[in-house]
Amino acid sequence: MAYEYRGRDVDDAGPGGAARIRDAAIDLYGRNGFNHVTLKDIAAAAGVSAPLVIHHYGSTAGLRDACDRHIADQVNRMKTESVHRGRLPRSYVTELMQTQKHLLLYLFHAFAVGGEQTDRLFDQLVEDSLVYTAEGEALGLVHPSSDPRRRAVIMMLQSFGALLLHRQMKRHLGVDPIDGPSEDMGPYMAGVLEMYTHPVLNADVYRNLMDIDDTRTDDTHAGEPS
């Protein structure tokens, strides 16, 4: 399910502009989480009055929606431009860490807190990935999938799931996408690329496993009324 409110991102970056308020909110939410930031905090960081925040966004929920939309737009733009340059998009986590760390921190808190707004954000990220991945297939950068949506969801889960397990990544790989510098992400990135370009299972094992799965599915439905 895509965002119903998706449209042109705010571009008023003047002294009291909506974009300035949105950017201040993304920064504060990313550093402090959603439960520890007030509209007054955001207004102060943006150098505006709290009523002006309400004027632009109507409510905290409206501001959060605008932040989510901006995050999704930035990720989509980054990945689309990567495909158009003729290279496979890298890990969401690594690419954001190297280019826009504040967006990555925002996503970390968004996925941690959950809720319907986070669901809509995740849904939009999936919808966008279907488009640029299809473009990658057309360019020969990506292998076709028997179920593109399923693959997109799983890749998103694997990429952003690493954020919630960042402490375990630090313990085992010595890198941390939340608290560490982007230049230290080499070991994680090497492992991700190896799994994407050198599959763990060979083709025969994959076919055998899929045959077993199909047989179990058929057995499960065999006793059901038609």
C-alpha atoms as a PDB file:
ATOM      1  CA  MET A   1       0.000   0.000   0.000  1.00  0.00           C
ATOM      2  CA  ALA A   2       1.565   3.295  -1.106  1.00  0.00           C
ATOM      3  CA  TYR A   3       1.183   6.612   0.615  1.00  0.00           C
ATOM      4  CA  GLU A   4      -2.153   8.191  -0.170  1.00  0.00           C
ATOM      5  CA  TYR A   5      -0.676  11.618   0.441  1.00  0.00           C
ATOM      6  CA  ARG A   6       2.356  11.196  -1.789  1.00  0.00           C
ATOM      7  CA  GLY A   7       3.005  14.177  -3.984  1.00  0.00           C
ATOM      8  CA  ARG A   8       5.503  16.957  -4.528  1.00  0.00           C
ATOM      9  CA  ASP A   9       7.871  17.288  -1.610  1.00  0.00           C
ATOM     10  CA  VAL A  10       7.897  20.641   0.193  1.00  0.00           C
ATOM     11  CA  ASP A  11      10.511  22.972  -1.223  1.00  0.00           C
ATOM     12  CA  ASP A  12      10.007  26.159   0.815  1.00  0.00           C
ATOM     13  CA  ALA A  13      13.430  26.420   2.423  1.00  0.00           C
ATOM     14  CA  GLY A  14      13.161  30.043   3.507  1.00  0.00           C
ATOM     15  CA  PRO A  15      13.711  31.281   7.084  1.00  0.00           C
ATOM     16  CA  GLY A  16      10.277  30.053   8.193  1.00  0.00           C
ATOM     17  CA  GLY A  17       9.731  27.540   5.425  1.00  0.00           C
ATOM     18  CA  ALA A  18       8.134  24.134   5.706  1.00  0.00           C
ATOM     19  CA  ALA A  19      11.257  22.349   4.447  1.00  0.00           C
ATOM     20  CA  ARG A  20      13.381  23.907   7.167  1.00  0.00           C
ATOM     21  CA  ILE A  21      10.943  22.733   9.825  1.00  0.00           C
ATOM     22  CA  ARG A  22      10.790  19.250   8.297  1.00  0.00           C
ATOM     23  CA  ASP A  23      14.572  18.953   8.195  1.00  0.00           C
ATOM     24  CA  ALA A  24      14.850  20.056  11.812  1.00  0.00           C
ATOM     25  CA  ALA A  25      12.270  17.438  12.775  1.00  0.00           C
ATOM     26  CA  ILE A  26      14.135  14.667  10.912  1.00  0.00           C
ATOM     27  CA  ASP A  27      17.368  15.615  12.661  1.00  0.00           C
ATOM     28  CA  LEU A  28      15.809  15.719  16.128  1.00  0.00           C
ATOM     29  CA  TYR A  29      13.798  12.529  15.668  1.00  0.00           C
ATOM     30  CA  GLY A  30      16.930  10.794  14.392  1.00  0.00           C
ATOM     31  CA  ARG A  31      19.032  11.874  17.355  1.00  0.00           C
ATOM     32  CA  ASN A  32      16.461  11.578  20.148  1.00  0.00           C
ATOM     33  CA  GLY A  33      13.622   9.323  18.978  1.00  0.00           C
ATOM     34  CA  PHE A  34       9.956  10.156  18.488  1.00  0.00           C
ATOM     35  CA  ASN A  35       8.929  10.011  22.122  1.00  0.00           C
ATOM     36  CA  HIS A  36      11.405  12.607  23.331  1.00  0.00           C
ATOM     37  CA  VAL A  37      10.855  15.444  20.846  1.00  0.00           C
ATOM     38  CA  THR A  38       8.099  18.045  21.033  1.00  0.00           C
ATOM     39  CA  LEU A  39       6.824  20.522  18.473  1.00  0.00           C
ATOM     40  CA  LYS A  40       8.368  23.224  20.644  1.00  0.00           C
ATOM     41  CA  ASP A  41      11.769  21.513  20.324  1.00  0.00           C
ATOM     42  CA  ILE A  42      11.382  21.324  16.558  1.00  0.00           C
ATOM     43  CA  ALA A  43      10.312  24.949  16.295  1.00  0.00           C
ATOM     44  CA  ALA A  44      13.320  26.066  18.343  1.00  0.00           C
ATOM     45  CA  ALA A  45      15.709  24.012  16.193  1.00  0.00           C
ATOM     46  CA  ALA A  46      14.200  25.484  13.023  1.00  0.00           C
ATOM     47  CA  GLY A  47      14.258  29.012  14.447  1.00  0.00           C
ATOM     48  CA  VAL A  48      10.495  29.497  14.137  1.00  0.00           C
ATOM     49  CA  SER A  49       7.500  29.645  16.446  1.00  0.00           C
ATOM     50  CA  ALA A  50       5.506  26.551  17.385  1.00  0.00           C
ATOM     51  CA  PRO A  51       2.323  27.990  15.796  1.00  0.00           C
ATOM     52  CA  LEU A  52       4.197  28.202  12.473  1.00  0.00           C
ATOM     53  CA  VAL A  53       4.882  24.453  12.654  1.00  0.00           C
ATOM     54  CA  ILE A  54       1.150  23.889  13.080  1.00  0.00           C
ATOM     55  CA  HIS A  55       0.445  26.324  10.241  1.00  0.00           C
ATOM     56  CA  HIS A  56       2.551  24.277   7.826  1.00  0.00           C
ATOM     57  CA  TYR A  57       1.745  20.735   8.993  1.00  0.00           C
ATOM     58  CA  GLY A  58      -1.426  20.903  11.063  1.00  0.00           C
ATOM     59  CA  SER A  59      -0.284  18.471  13.743  1.00  0.00           C
ATOM     60  CA  THR A  60       2.548  16.238  14.928  1.00  0.00           C
ATOM     61  CA  ALA A  61       1.121  13.450  12.754  1.00  0.00           C
ATOM     62  CA  GLY A  62       1.103  15.730   9.721  1.00  0.00           C
ATOM     63  CA  LEU A  63       4.730  16.640  10.323  1.00  0.00           C
ATOM     64  CA  ARG A  64       5.664  12.989  10.755  1.00  0.00           C
ATOM     65  CA  ASP A  65       3.946  12.150   7.453  1.00  0.00           C
ATOM     66  CA  ALA A  66       5.946  14.873   5.717  1.00  0.00           C
ATOM     67  CA  CYS A  67       9.189  13.558   7.227  1.00  0.00           C
ATOM     68  CA  ASP A  68       8.373  10.008   6.133  1.00  0.00           C
ATOM     69  CA  ARG A  69       7.535  11.145   2.618  1.00  0.00           C
ATOM     70  CA  HIS A  70      10.806  13.045   2.386  1.00  0.00           C
ATOM     71  CA  ILE A  71      12.780  10.025   3.601  1.00  0.00           C
ATOM     72  CA  ALA A  72      11.088   7.745   1.057  1.00  0.00           C
ATOM     73  CA  ASP A  73      11.698  10.298  -1.707  1.00  0.00           C
ATOM     74  CA  GLN A  74      15.387  10.567  -0.828  1.00  0.00           C
ATOM     75  CA  VAL A  75      15.910   6.792  -0.759  1.00  0.00           C
ATOM     76  CA  ASN A  76      14.032   6.412  -4.050  1.00  0.00           C
ATOM     77  CA  ARG A  77      16.054   9.178  -5.684  1.00  0.00           C
ATOM     78  CA  MET A  78      19.335   7.704  -4.468  1.00  0.00           C
ATOM     79  CA  LYS A  79      18.522   4.212  -5.724  1.00  0.00           C
ATOM     80  CA  THR A  80      17.037   5.373  -9.037  1.00  0.00           C
ATOM     81  CA  GLU A  81      20.081   7.517  -9.805  1.00  0.00           C
ATOM     82  CA  SER A  82      22.315   4.569  -8.949  1.00  0.00           C
ATOM     83  CA  VAL A  83      20.494   2.342 -11.454  1.00  0.00           C
ATOM     84  CA  HIS A  84      20.590   5.031 -14.125  1.00  0.00           C
ATOM     85  CA  ARG A  85      24.361   5.265 -13.663  1.00  0.00           C
ATOM     86  CA  GLY A  86      24.504   1.612 -14.610  1.00  0.00           C
ATOM     87  CA  ARG A  87      25.408   0.031 -11.298  1.00  0.00           C
ATOM     88  CA  LEU A  88      23.514  -2.191  -8.901  1.00  0.00           C
ATOM     89  CA  PRO A  89      22.179  -0.320  -5.868  1.00  0.00           C
ATOM     90  CA  ARG A  90      24.139  -1.194  -2.762  1.00  0.00           C
ATOM     91  CA  SER A  91      22.773  -1.916   0.691  1.00  0.00           C
ATOM     92  CA  TYR A  92      20.194   0.649   1.812  1.00  0.00           C
ATOM     93  CA  VAL A  93      21.892   0.869   5.188  1.00  0.00           C
ATOM     94  CA  THR A  94      25.422   1.323   3.845  1.00  0.00           C
ATOM     95  CA  GLU A  95      24.469   3.836   1.191  1.00  0.00           C
ATOM     96  CA  LEU A  96      22.472   5.983   3.589  1.00  0.00           C
ATOM     97  CA  MET A  97      25.220   5.761   6.178  1.00  0.00           C
ATOM     98  CA  GLN A  98      27.765   7.046   3.678  1.00  0.00           C
ATOM     99  CA  THR A  99      25.621   9.824   2.228  1.00  0.00           C
ATOM    100  CA  GLN A 100      22.824  10.861   4.576  1.00  0.00           C
ATOM    101  CA  LYS A 101      23.398   9.482   8.077  1.00  0.00           C
ATOM    102  CA  HIS A 102      20.620  11.617   9.587  1.00  0.00           C
ATOM    103  CA  LEU A 103      18.068   9.844   7.386  1.00  0.00           C
ATOM    104  CA  LEU A 104      19.379   6.470   8.519  1.00  0.00           C
ATOM    105  CA  LEU A 105      19.033   7.453  12.180  1.00  0.00           C
ATOM    106  CA  TYR A 106      15.467   8.584  11.526  1.00  0.00           C
ATOM    107  CA  LEU A 107      14.648   5.223   9.952  1.00  0.00           C
ATOM    108  CA  PHE A 108      16.212   3.417  12.902  1.00  0.00           C
ATOM    109  CA  HIS A 109      13.844   5.142  15.329  1.00  0.00           C
ATOM    110  CA  ALA A 110      10.873   4.815  12.964  1.00  0.00           C
ATOM    111  CA  PHE A 111      11.254   1.042  12.649  1.00  0.00           C
ATOM    112  CA  ALA A 112      11.914   0.696  16.369  1.00  0.00           C
ATOM    113  CA  VAL A 113       8.742   2.561  17.364  1.00  0.00           C
ATOM    114  CA  GLY A 114       6.545   0.865  14.725  1.00  0.00           C
ATOM    115  CA  GLY A 115       2.893   1.776  14.227  1.00  0.00           C
ATOM    116  CA  GLU A 116       0.690   2.568  11.242  1.00  0.00           C
ATOM    117  CA  GLN A 117       2.815   5.490  10.081  1.00  0.00           C
ATOM    118  CA  THR A 118       5.890   3.269   9.993  1.00  0.00           C
ATOM    119  CA  ASP A 119       3.870   0.677   8.079  1.00  0.00           C
ATOM    120  CA  ARG A 120       3.049   3.266   5.416  1.00  0.00           C
ATOM    121  CA  LEU A 121       6.684   4.315   5.200  1.00  0.00           C
ATOM    122  CA  PHE A 122       7.829   0.726   4.745  1.00  0.00           C
ATOM    123  CA  ASP A 123       5.108   0.116   2.149  1.00  0.00           C
ATOM    124  CA  GLN A 124       6.252   3.125   0.142  1.00  0.00           C
ATOM    125  CA  LEU A 125       9.872   1.995   0.236  1.00  0.00           C
ATOM    126  CA  VAL A 126       8.770  -1.388  -1.138  1.00  0.00           C
ATOM    127  CA  GLU A 127       6.643   0.160  -3.897  1.00  0.00           C
ATOM    128  CA  ASP A 128       9.504   2.399  -4.997  1.00  0.00           C
ATOM    129  CA  SER A 129      11.989  -0.485  -4.975  1.00  0.00           C
ATOM    130  CA  LEU A 130       9.782  -2.433  -7.393  1.00  0.00           C
ATOM    131  CA  VAL A 131      10.145   0.371  -9.929  1.00  0.00           C
ATOM    132  CA  TYR A 132      13.896   0.921  -9.810  1.00  0.00           C
ATOM    133  CA  THR A 133      14.602  -2.812  -9.525  1.00  0.00           C
ATOM    134  CA  ALA A 134      12.536  -3.392 -12.686  1.00  0.00           C
ATOM    135  CA  GLU A 135      14.632  -0.714 -14.382  1.00  0.00           C
ATOM    136  CA  GLY A 136      17.724  -2.557 -13.194  1.00  0.00           C
ATOM    137  CA  GLU A 137      16.402  -5.757 -14.739  1.00  0.00           C
ATOM    138  CA  ALA A 138      15.839  -3.981 -18.058  1.00  0.00           C
ATOM    139  CA  LEU A 139      19.453  -2.786 -17.975  1.00  0.00           C
ATOM    140  CA  GLY A 140      20.784  -6.242 -17.163  1.00  0.00           C
ATOM    141  CA  LEU A 141      21.921  -5.278 -13.646  1.00  0.00           C
ATOM    142  CA  VAL A 142      19.443  -7.457 -11.764  1.00  0.00           C
ATOM    143  CA  HIS A 143      18.250 -11.005 -12.359  1.00  0.00           C
ATOM    144  CA  PRO A 144      14.476 -11.378 -12.838  1.00  0.00           C
ATOM    145  CA  SER A 145      12.524 -12.816  -9.919  1.00  0.00           C
ATOM    146  CA  SER A 146       9.635 -15.273  -9.890  1.00  0.00           C
ATOM    147  CA  ASP A 147       8.003 -12.959  -7.341  1.00  0.00           C
ATOM    148  CA  PRO A 148       9.380  -9.395  -7.535  1.00  0.00           C
ATOM    149  CA  ARG A 149       7.283  -8.080  -4.636  1.00  0.00           C
ATOM    150  CA  ARG A 150       8.310 -10.884  -2.317  1.00  0.00           C
ATOM    151  CA  ARG A 151      11.955 -10.309  -3.179  1.00  0.00           C
ATOM    152  CA  ALA A 152      11.590  -6.565  -2.616  1.00  0.00           C
ATOM    153  CA  VAL A 153      10.043  -7.076   0.816  1.00  0.00           C
ATOM    154  CA  ILE A 154      12.697  -9.590   1.885  1.00  0.00           C
ATOM    155  CA  MET A 155      15.542  -7.347   0.739  1.00  0.00           C
ATOM    156  CA  MET A 156      14.005  -4.438   2.632  1.00  0.00           C
ATOM    157  CA  LEU A 157      13.622  -6.559   5.763  1.00  0.00           C
ATOM    158  CA  GLN A 158      17.224  -7.725   5.560  1.00  0.00           C
ATOM    159  CA  SER A 159      18.605  -4.261   4.935  1.00  0.00           C
ATOM    160  CA  PHE A 160      16.717  -2.332   7.586  1.00  0.00           C
ATOM    161  CA  GLY A 161      16.571  -5.245  10.010  1.00  0.00           C
ATOM    162  CA  ALA A 162      20.316  -4.709  10.379  1.00  0.00           C
ATOM    163  CA  LEU A 163      19.557  -1.375  12.031  1.00  0.00           C
ATOM    164  CA  LEU A 164      17.680  -2.995  14.895  1.00  0.00           C
ATOM    165  CA  LEU A 165      20.488  -5.529  15.357  1.00  0.00           C
ATOM    166  CA  HIS A 166      23.256  -2.944  15.099  1.00  0.00           C
ATOM    167  CA  ARG A 167      24.739  -3.930  18.478  1.00  0.00           C
ATOM    168  CA  GLN A 168      25.137  -7.528  17.335  1.00  0.00           C
ATOM    169  CA  MET A 169      26.730  -6.305  14.112  1.00  0.00           C
ATOM    170  CA  LYS A 170      29.213  -4.369  16.226  1.00  0.00           C
ATOM    171  CA  ARG A 171      29.971  -7.420  18.391  1.00  0.00           C
ATOM    172  CA  HIS A 172      30.574  -9.795  15.499  1.00  0.00           C
ATOM    173  CA  LEU A 173      31.773  -7.615  12.617  1.00  0.00           C
ATOM    174  CA  GLY A 174      33.220  -4.645  14.467  1.00  0.00           C
ATOM    175  CA  VAL A 175      31.050  -2.101  12.649  1.00  0.00           C
ATOM    176  CA  ASP A 176      27.951  -0.180  13.704  1.00  0.00           C
ATOM    177  CA  PRO A 177      25.596   1.594  11.251  1.00  0.00           C
ATOM    178  CA  ILE A 178      24.070   3.660  14.065  1.00  0.00           C
ATOM    179  CA  ASP A 179      26.996   4.703  16.226  1.00  0.00           C
ATOM    180  CA  GLY A 180      29.996   4.103  13.986  1.00  0.00           C
ATOM    181  CA  PRO A 181      31.618   5.987  11.072  1.00  0.00           C
ATOM    182  CA  SER A 182      30.576   5.090   7.543  1.00  0.00           C
ATOM    183  CA  GLU A 183      34.100   4.225   6.439  1.00  0.00           C
ATOM    184  CA  ASP A 184      34.094   1.244   8.829  1.00  0.00           C
ATOM    185  CA  MET A 185      31.243  -0.537   7.022  1.00  0.00           C
ATOM    186  CA  GLY A 186      33.547  -2.476   4.695  1.00  0.00           C
ATOM    187  CA  PRO A 187      33.207  -5.901   6.381  1.00  0.00           C
ATOM    188  CA  TYR A 188      29.419  -5.710   6.403  1.00  0.00           C
ATOM    189  CA  MET A 189      29.258  -4.494   2.809  1.00  0.00           C
ATOM    190  CA  ALA A 190      31.635  -7.234   1.632  1.00  0.00           C
ATOM    191  CA  GLY A 191      29.391  -9.869   3.203  1.00  0.00           C
ATOM    192  CA  VAL A 192      26.236  -8.391   1.695  1.00  0.00           C
ATOM    193  CA  LEU A 193      27.725  -8.219  -1.800  1.00  0.00           C
ATOM    194  CA  GLU A 194      29.062 -11.762  -1.547  1.00  0.00           C
ATOM    195  CA  MET A 195      25.595 -13.082  -0.686  1.00  0.00           C
ATOM    196  CA  TYR A 196      24.003 -11.126  -3.551  1.00  0.00           C
ATOM    197  CA  THR A 197      26.565 -12.055  -6.208  1.00  0.00           C
ATOM    198  CA  HIS A 198      27.696 -15.518  -4.991  1.00  0.00           C
ATOM    199  CA  PRO A 199      24.611 -17.415  -3.798  1.00  0.00           C
ATOM    200  CA  VAL A 200      24.989 -19.616  -0.733  1.00  0.00           C
ATOM    201  CA  LEU A 201      23.151 -22.525  -2.383  1.00  0.00           C
ATOM    202  CA  ASN A 202      23.862 -23.941  -5.821  1.00  0.00           C
ATOM    203  CA  ALA A 203      21.123 -24.220  -8.419  1.00  0.00           C
ATOM    204  CA  ASP A 204      20.443 -27.947  -7.844  1.00  0.00           C
ATOM    205  CA  VAL A 205      19.970 -27.488  -4.098  1.00  0.00           C
ATOM    206  CA  TYR A 206      17.656 -24.549  -4.744  1.00  0.00           C
ATOM    207  CA  ARG A 207      15.495 -26.589  -7.128  1.00  0.00           C
ATOM    208  CA  ASN A 208      15.314 -29.506  -4.690  1.00  0.00           C
ATOM    209  CA  LEU A 209      14.285 -27.251  -1.823  1.00  0.00           C
ATOM    210  CA  MET A 210      11.645 -25.569  -3.947  1.00  0.00           C
ATOM    211  CA  ASP A 211      10.283 -28.955  -5.021  1.00  0.00           C
ATOM    212  CA  ILE A 212       9.975 -30.001  -1.374  1.00  0.00           C
ATOM    213  CA  ASP A 213       8.221 -26.754  -0.521  1.00  0.00           C
ATOM    214  CA  ASP A 214       5.771 -27.161  -3.415  1.00  0.00           C
ATOM    215  CA  THR A 215       5.012 -30.750  -2.328  1.00  0.00           C
ATOM    216  CA  ARG A 216       4.288 -29.644   1.242  1.00  0.00           C
ATOM    217  CA  THR A 217       1.996 -26.912  -0.034  1.00  0.00           C
ATOM    218  CA  ASP A 218       0.078 -29.407  -2.170  1.00  0.00           C
ATOM    219  CA  ASP A 219      -0.252 -31.814   0.787  1.00  0.00           C
ATOM    220  CA  THR A 220      -1.536 -29.046   3.030  1.00  0.00           C
ATOM    221  CA  HIS A 221      -4.352 -28.196   0.642  1.00  0.00           C
ATOM    222  CA  ALA A 222      -5.140 -31.755  -0.409  1.00  0.00           C
ATOM    223  CA  GLY A 223      -7.731 -32.319   2.306  1.00  0.00           C
ATOM    224  CA  GLU A 224      -9.423 -28.945   1.925  1.00  0.00           C
ATOM    225  CA  PRO A 225     -12.837 -28.789   0.268  1.00  0.00           C
ATOM    226  CA  SER A 226     -12.808 -27.419  -3.249  1.00  0.00           C
END
